[in-house]
Amino acid sequence: MPKDDAAIFELLLDQAKQLRQVKLELEALKRMFFEHRPPFVEAFAQQRGAVESSGFLGPLDEAIQRVERMRQP
């Protein structure tokens, strides 16, 4: 593996591990919150849909698409 590829691999691996940790903590917080307030499950789903459709994640989605295009032969 070329030196640059190895550095990119290490960076992506580190980011994947950090994302996993964030997802784990967010999911645990959601479950704790919803355990004590079950009516919020439906409201949370609605808010999640609203955030997704708002364009808030647009820059991140574009960055992901750029990386995916780089991956293609």
PDB file of N, CA and C in Angstrom:
ATOM      1  N   MET A   1       0.862  -1.173   0.000  1.00  0.00           N
ATOM      2  CA  MET A   1       0.000   0.000   0.000  1.00  0.00           C
ATOM      3  C   MET A   1       0.911   1.240   0.000  1.00  0.00           C
ATOM      4  N   PRO A   2       0.714   2.141  -0.960  1.00  0.00           N
ATOM      5  CA  PRO A   2       1.525   3.365  -0.985  1.00  0.00           C
ATOM      6  C   PRO A   2       1.342   4.182   0.290  1.00  0.00           C
ATOM      7  N   LYS A   3       2.371   4.976   0.602  1.00  0.00           N
ATOM      8  CA  LYS A   3       2.381   5.753   1.841  1.00  0.00           C
ATOM      9  C   LYS A   3       1.147   6.640   1.979  1.00  0.00           C
ATOM     10  N   ASP A   4       0.771   7.350   0.903  1.00  0.00           N
ATOM     11  CA  ASP A   4      -0.412   8.217   0.962  1.00  0.00           C
ATOM     12  C   ASP A   4      -1.681   7.419   1.200  1.00  0.00           C
ATOM     13  N   ASP A   5      -1.785   6.260   0.549  1.00  0.00           N
ATOM     14  CA  ASP A   5      -2.963   5.413   0.739  1.00  0.00           C
ATOM     15  C   ASP A   5      -3.048   4.918   2.178  1.00  0.00           C
ATOM     16  N   ALA A   6      -1.926   4.572   2.754  1.00  0.00           N
ATOM     17  CA  ALA A   6      -1.912   4.100   4.145  1.00  0.00           C
ATOM     18  C   ALA A   6      -2.351   5.208   5.089  1.00  0.00           C
ATOM     19  N   ALA A   7      -1.902   6.433   4.834  1.00  0.00           N
ATOM     20  CA  ALA A   7      -2.293   7.554   5.693  1.00  0.00           C
ATOM     21  C   ALA A   7      -3.790   7.820   5.575  1.00  0.00           C
ATOM     22  N   ILE A   8      -4.313   7.748   4.355  1.00  0.00           N
ATOM     23  CA  ILE A   8      -5.754   7.952   4.148  1.00  0.00           C
ATOM     24  C   ILE A   8      -6.538   6.846   4.836  1.00  0.00           C
ATOM     25  N   PHE A   9      -6.065   5.609   4.697  1.00  0.00           N
ATOM     26  CA  PHE A   9      -6.723   4.485   5.345  1.00  0.00           C
ATOM     27  C   PHE A   9      -6.783   4.687   6.854  1.00  0.00           C
ATOM     28  N   GLU A  10      -5.672   5.092   7.452  1.00  0.00           N
ATOM     29  CA  GLU A  10      -5.624   5.307   8.900  1.00  0.00           C
ATOM     30  C   GLU A  10      -6.585   6.417   9.316  1.00  0.00           C
ATOM     31  N   LEU A  11      -6.646   7.478   8.535  1.00  0.00           N
ATOM     32  CA  LEU A  11      -7.553   8.582   8.830  1.00  0.00           C
ATOM     33  C   LEU A  11      -9.007   8.126   8.757  1.00  0.00           C
ATOM     34  N   LEU A  12      -9.344   7.399   7.701  1.00  0.00           N
ATOM     35  CA  LEU A  12     -10.723   6.906   7.564  1.00  0.00           C
ATOM     36  C   LEU A  12     -11.078   5.923   8.674  1.00  0.00           C
ATOM     37  N   LEU A  13     -10.133   5.084   9.043  1.00  0.00           N
ATOM     38  CA  LEU A  13     -10.379   4.130  10.120  1.00  0.00           C
ATOM     39  C   LEU A  13     -10.624   4.859  11.442  1.00  0.00           C
ATOM     40  N   ASP A  14      -9.811   5.876  11.725  1.00  0.00           N
ATOM     41  CA  ASP A  14      -9.989   6.658  12.942  1.00  0.00           C
ATOM     42  C   ASP A  14     -11.347   7.360  12.945  1.00  0.00           C
ATOM     43  N   GLN A  15     -11.718   7.934  11.809  1.00  0.00           N
ATOM     44  CA  GLN A  15     -13.010   8.617  11.727  1.00  0.00           C
ATOM     45  C   GLN A  15     -14.160   7.635  11.899  1.00  0.00           C
ATOM     46  N   ALA A  16     -14.035   6.452  11.321  1.00  0.00           N
ATOM     47  CA  ALA A  16     -15.083   5.445  11.470  1.00  0.00           C
ATOM     48  C   ALA A  16     -15.243   5.042  12.936  1.00  0.00           C
ATOM     49  N   LYS A  17     -14.135   4.908  13.640  1.00  0.00           N
ATOM     50  CA  LYS A  17     -14.199   4.561  15.070  1.00  0.00           C
ATOM     51  C   LYS A  17     -14.850   5.687  15.876  1.00  0.00           C
ATOM     52  N   GLN A  18     -14.530   6.930  15.537  1.00  0.00           N
ATOM     53  CA  GLN A  18     -15.141   8.066  16.230  1.00  0.00           C
ATOM     54  C   GLN A  18     -16.638   8.144  15.937  1.00  0.00           C
ATOM     55  N   LEU A  19     -17.022   7.922  14.692  1.00  0.00           N
ATOM     56  CA  LEU A  19     -18.448   7.924  14.342  1.00  0.00           C
ATOM     57  C   LEU A  19     -19.193   6.815  15.071  1.00  0.00           C
ATOM     58  N   ARG A  20     -18.561   5.663  15.195  1.00  0.00           N
ATOM     59  CA  ARG A  20     -19.195   4.557  15.914  1.00  0.00           C
ATOM     60  C   ARG A  20     -19.464   4.954  17.364  1.00  0.00           C
ATOM     61  N   GLN A  21     -18.489   5.617  17.982  1.00  0.00           N
ATOM     62  CA  GLN A  21     -18.645   6.042  19.370  1.00  0.00           C
ATOM     63  C   GLN A  21     -19.786   7.058  19.505  1.00  0.00           C
ATOM     64  N   VAL A  22     -19.840   8.008  18.590  1.00  0.00           N
ATOM     65  CA  VAL A  22     -20.918   9.017  18.618  1.00  0.00           C
ATOM     66  C   VAL A  22     -22.272   8.340  18.439  1.00  0.00           C
ATOM     67  N   LYS A  23     -22.365   7.421  17.471  1.00  0.00           N
ATOM     68  CA  LYS A  23     -23.638   6.721  17.248  1.00  0.00           C
ATOM     69  C   LYS A  23     -24.054   5.924  18.480  1.00  0.00           C
ATOM     70  N   LEU A  24     -23.092   5.264  19.112  1.00  0.00           N
ATOM     71  CA  LEU A  24     -23.382   4.486  20.317  1.00  0.00           C
ATOM     72  C   LEU A  24     -23.932   5.383  21.418  1.00  0.00           C
ATOM     73  N   GLU A  25     -23.263   6.506  21.643  1.00  0.00           N
ATOM     74  CA  GLU A  25     -23.703   7.398  22.712  1.00  0.00           C
ATOM     75  C   GLU A  25     -25.059   8.038  22.401  1.00  0.00           C
ATOM     76  N   LEU A  26     -25.266   8.451  21.159  1.00  0.00           N
ATOM     77  CA  LEU A  26     -26.561   9.038  20.801  1.00  0.00           C
ATOM     78  C   LEU A  26     -27.691   8.026  20.948  1.00  0.00           C
ATOM     79  N   GLU A  27     -27.445   6.805  20.510  1.00  0.00           N
ATOM     80  CA  GLU A  27     -28.490   5.785  20.620  1.00  0.00           C
ATOM     81  C   GLU A  27     -28.804   5.487  22.095  1.00  0.00           C
ATOM     82  N   ALA A  28     -27.781   5.420  22.923  1.00  0.00           N
ATOM     83  CA  ALA A  28     -27.994   5.185  24.352  1.00  0.00           C
ATOM     84  C   ALA A  28     -28.785   6.335  24.973  1.00  0.00           C
ATOM     85  N   LEU A  29     -28.451   7.568  24.597  1.00  0.00           N
ATOM     86  CA  LEU A  29     -29.198   8.723  25.115  1.00  0.00           C
ATOM     87  C   LEU A  29     -30.647   8.698  24.663  1.00  0.00           C
ATOM     88  N   LYS A  30     -30.875   8.363  23.397  1.00  0.00           N
ATOM     89  CA  LYS A  30     -32.256   8.286  22.894  1.00  0.00           C
ATOM     90  C   LYS A  30     -33.044   7.234  23.667  1.00  0.00           C
ATOM     91  N   ARG A  31     -32.448   6.076  23.828  1.00  0.00           N
ATOM     92  CA  ARG A  31     -33.164   4.999  24.535  1.00  0.00           C
ATOM     93  C   ARG A  31     -33.465   5.394  25.977  1.00  0.00           C
ATOM     94  N   MET A  32     -32.524   6.048  26.624  1.00  0.00           N
ATOM     95  CA  MET A  32     -32.747   6.484  28.001  1.00  0.00           C
ATOM     96  C   MET A  32     -33.871   7.517  28.047  1.00  0.00           C
ATOM     97  N   PHE A  33     -33.831   8.475  27.137  1.00  0.00           N
ATOM     98  CA  PHE A  33     -34.839   9.527  27.100  1.00  0.00           C
ATOM     99  C   PHE A  33     -36.220   8.941  26.806  1.00  0.00           C
ATOM    100  N   PHE A  34     -36.294   8.078  25.792  1.00  0.00           N
ATOM    101  CA  PHE A  34     -37.588   7.526  25.388  1.00  0.00           C
ATOM    102  C   PHE A  34     -38.124   6.525  26.404  1.00  0.00           C
ATOM    103  N   GLU A  35     -37.257   5.919  27.160  1.00  0.00           N
ATOM    104  CA  GLU A  35     -37.696   4.985  28.202  1.00  0.00           C
ATOM    105  C   GLU A  35     -38.540   5.726  29.236  1.00  0.00           C
ATOM    106  N   HIS A  36     -38.151   6.967  29.518  1.00  0.00           N
ATOM    107  CA  HIS A  36     -38.859   7.751  30.521  1.00  0.00           C
ATOM    108  C   HIS A  36     -39.975   8.603  29.922  1.00  0.00           C
ATOM    109  N   ARG A  37     -39.951   8.769  28.596  1.00  0.00           N
ATOM    110  CA  ARG A  37     -40.963   9.597  27.928  1.00  0.00           C
ATOM    111  C   ARG A  37     -41.389   8.937  26.612  1.00  0.00           C
ATOM    112  N   PRO A  38     -42.078   7.805  26.681  1.00  0.00           N
ATOM    113  CA  PRO A  38     -42.459   7.078  25.465  1.00  0.00           C
ATOM    114  C   PRO A  38     -43.181   7.922  24.402  1.00  0.00           C
ATOM    115  N   PRO A  39     -44.000   8.926  24.762  1.00  0.00           N
ATOM    116  CA  PRO A  39     -44.675   9.689  23.715  1.00  0.00           C
ATOM    117  C   PRO A  39     -43.705  10.429  22.780  1.00  0.00           C
ATOM    118  N   PHE A  40     -42.461  10.591  23.189  1.00  0.00           N
ATOM    119  CA  PHE A  40     -41.507  11.328  22.365  1.00  0.00           C
ATOM    120  C   PHE A  40     -40.969  10.505  21.189  1.00  0.00           C
ATOM    121  N   VAL A  41     -41.212   9.206  21.171  1.00  0.00           N
ATOM    122  CA  VAL A  41     -40.703   8.366  20.088  1.00  0.00           C
ATOM    123  C   VAL A  41     -41.237   8.852  18.746  1.00  0.00           C
ATOM    124  N   GLU A  42     -42.524   9.056  18.640  1.00  0.00           N
ATOM    125  CA  GLU A  42     -43.126   9.512  17.382  1.00  0.00           C
ATOM    126  C   GLU A  42     -42.675  10.935  17.044  1.00  0.00           C
ATOM    127  N   ALA A  43     -42.637  11.817  18.031  1.00  0.00           N
ATOM    128  CA  ALA A  43     -42.197  13.189  17.794  1.00  0.00           C
ATOM    129  C   ALA A  43     -40.747  13.219  17.331  1.00  0.00           C
ATOM    130  N   PHE A  44     -39.915  12.356  17.884  1.00  0.00           N
ATOM    131  CA  PHE A  44     -38.520  12.298  17.471  1.00  0.00           C
ATOM    132  C   PHE A  44     -38.409  11.873  16.009  1.00  0.00           C
ATOM    133  N   ALA A  45     -39.175  10.882  15.628  1.00  0.00           N
ATOM    134  CA  ALA A  45     -39.158  10.418  14.235  1.00  0.00           C
ATOM    135  C   ALA A  45     -39.567  11.542  13.288  1.00  0.00           C
ATOM    136  N   GLN A  46     -40.559  12.323  13.679  1.00  0.00           N
ATOM    137  CA  GLN A  46     -40.994  13.447  12.846  1.00  0.00           C
ATOM    138  C   GLN A  46     -39.898  14.507  12.751  1.00  0.00           C
ATOM    139  N   GLN A  47     -39.251  14.809  13.853  1.00  0.00           N
ATOM    140  CA  GLN A  47     -38.180  15.806  13.851  1.00  0.00           C
ATOM    141  C   GLN A  47     -36.976  15.332  13.035  1.00  0.00           C
ATOM    142  N   ARG A  48     -36.684  14.057  13.145  1.00  0.00           N
ATOM    143  CA  ARG A  48     -35.578  13.503  12.364  1.00  0.00           C
ATOM    144  C   ARG A  48     -35.856  13.662  10.871  1.00  0.00           C
ATOM    145  N   GLY A  49     -37.056  13.363  10.458  1.00  0.00           N
ATOM    146  CA  GLY A  49     -37.438  13.540   9.057  1.00  0.00           C
ATOM    147  C   GLY A  49     -37.352  14.994   8.629  1.00  0.00           C
ATOM    148  N   ALA A  50     -37.771  15.897   9.502  1.00  0.00           N
ATOM    149  CA  ALA A  50     -37.711  17.326   9.186  1.00  0.00           C
ATOM    150  C   ALA A  50     -36.269  17.799   9.034  1.00  0.00           C
ATOM    151  N   VAL A  51     -35.394  17.330   9.896  1.00  0.00           N
ATOM    152  CA  VAL A  51     -33.981  17.722   9.803  1.00  0.00           C
ATOM    153  C   VAL A  51     -33.374  17.173   8.518  1.00  0.00           C
ATOM    154  N   GLU A  52     -33.668  15.912   8.202  1.00  0.00           N
ATOM    155  CA  GLU A  52     -33.121  15.311   6.990  1.00  0.00           C
ATOM    156  C   GLU A  52     -33.560  16.056   5.732  1.00  0.00           C
ATOM    157  N   SER A  53     -34.796  16.492   5.707  1.00  0.00           N
ATOM    158  CA  SER A  53     -35.312  17.175   4.514  1.00  0.00           C
ATOM    159  C   SER A  53     -34.984  18.663   4.490  1.00  0.00           C
ATOM    160  N   SER A  54     -34.409  19.193   5.557  1.00  0.00           N
ATOM    161  CA  SER A  54     -34.148  20.632   5.650  1.00  0.00           C
ATOM    162  C   SER A  54     -32.894  21.085   4.921  1.00  0.00           C
ATOM    163  N   GLY A  55     -32.021  20.160   4.569  1.00  0.00           N
ATOM    164  CA  GLY A  55     -30.761  20.536   3.948  1.00  0.00           C
ATOM    165  C   GLY A  55     -29.642  20.712   4.955  1.00  0.00           C
ATOM    166  N   PHE A  56     -29.921  20.534   6.228  1.00  0.00           N
ATOM    167  CA  PHE A  56     -28.926  20.669   7.293  1.00  0.00           C
ATOM    168  C   PHE A  56     -27.710  19.776   7.044  1.00  0.00           C
ATOM    169  N   LEU A  57     -27.959  18.590   6.518  1.00  0.00           N
ATOM    170  CA  LEU A  57     -26.880  17.631   6.288  1.00  0.00           C
ATOM    171  C   LEU A  57     -26.293  17.734   4.882  1.00  0.00           C
ATOM    172  N   GLY A  58     -26.743  18.710   4.107  1.00  0.00           N
ATOM    173  CA  GLY A  58     -26.292  18.859   2.726  1.00  0.00           C
ATOM    174  C   GLY A  58     -24.784  18.877   2.563  1.00  0.00           C
ATOM    175  N   PRO A  59     -24.061  19.715   3.306  1.00  0.00           N
ATOM    176  CA  PRO A  59     -22.600  19.731   3.146  1.00  0.00           C
ATOM    177  C   PRO A  59     -21.952  18.373   3.449  1.00  0.00           C
ATOM    178  N   LEU A  60     -22.455  17.688   4.459  1.00  0.00           N
ATOM    179  CA  LEU A  60     -21.908  16.377   4.788  1.00  0.00           C
ATOM    180  C   LEU A  60     -22.243  15.367   3.700  1.00  0.00           C
ATOM    181  N   ASP A  61     -23.466  15.409   3.187  1.00  0.00           N
ATOM    182  CA  ASP A  61     -23.858  14.512   2.102  1.00  0.00           C
ATOM    183  C   ASP A  61     -23.000  14.744   0.860  1.00  0.00           C
ATOM    184  N   GLU A  62     -22.711  16.005   0.557  1.00  0.00           N
ATOM    185  CA  GLU A  62     -21.863  16.323  -0.593  1.00  0.00           C
ATOM    186  C   GLU A  62     -20.449  15.784  -0.392  1.00  0.00           C
ATOM    187  N   ALA A  63     -19.931  15.916   0.806  1.00  0.00           N
ATOM    188  CA  ALA A  63     -18.591  15.401   1.093  1.00  0.00           C
ATOM    189  C   ALA A  63     -18.553  13.881   0.932  1.00  0.00           C
ATOM    190  N   ILE A  64     -19.580  13.217   1.387  1.00  0.00           N
ATOM    191  CA  ILE A  64     -19.666  11.756   1.252  1.00  0.00           C
ATOM    192  C   ILE A  64     -19.716  11.378  -0.218  1.00  0.00           C
ATOM    193  N   GLN A  65     -20.488  12.102  -0.994  1.00  0.00           N
ATOM    194  CA  GLN A  65     -20.580  11.814  -2.428  1.00  0.00           C
ATOM    195  C   GLN A  65     -19.238  12.013  -3.125  1.00  0.00           C
ATOM    196  N   ARG A  66     -18.491  13.046  -2.734  1.00  0.00           N
ATOM    197  CA  ARG A  66     -17.164  13.271  -3.326  1.00  0.00           C
ATOM    198  C   ARG A  66     -16.241  12.093  -3.040  1.00  0.00           C
ATOM    199  N   VAL A  67     -16.260  11.614  -1.805  1.00  0.00           N
ATOM    200  CA  VAL A  67     -15.418  10.471  -1.443  1.00  0.00           C
ATOM    201  C   VAL A  67     -15.856   9.231  -2.213  1.00  0.00           C
ATOM    202  N   GLU A  68     -17.166   9.023  -2.331  1.00  0.00           N
ATOM    203  CA  GLU A  68     -17.658   7.858  -3.068  1.00  0.00           C
ATOM    204  C   GLU A  68     -17.254   7.918  -4.539  1.00  0.00           C
ATOM    205  N   ARG A  69     -17.282   9.114  -5.140  1.00  0.00           N
ATOM    206  CA  ARG A  69     -16.868   9.240  -6.537  1.00  0.00           C
ATOM    207  C   ARG A  69     -15.376   8.929  -6.686  1.00  0.00           C
ATOM    208  N   MET A  70     -14.575   9.290  -5.707  1.00  0.00           N
ATOM    209  CA  MET A  70     -13.135   9.009  -5.752  1.00  0.00           C
ATOM    210  C   MET A  70     -12.883   7.498  -5.695  1.00  0.00           C
ATOM    211  N   ARG A  71     -13.754   6.799  -5.039  1.00  0.00           N
ATOM    212  CA  ARG A  71     -13.611   5.353  -4.854  1.00  0.00           C
ATOM    213  C   ARG A  71     -13.862   4.588  -6.146  1.00  0.00           C
ATOM    214  N   GLN A  72     -14.696   5.137  -7.015  1.00  0.00           N
ATOM    215  CA  GLN A  72     -15.070   4.443  -8.246  1.00  0.00           C
ATOM    216  C   GLN A  72     -13.894   4.414  -9.233  1.00  0.00           C
ATOM    217  N   PRO A  73     -13.722   3.270  -9.934  1.00  0.00           N
ATOM    218  CA  PRO A  73     -12.607   3.129 -10.889  1.00  0.00           C
ATOM    219  C   PRO A  73     -12.739   4.044 -12.089  1.00  0.00           C
TER     220      PRO A  73
END
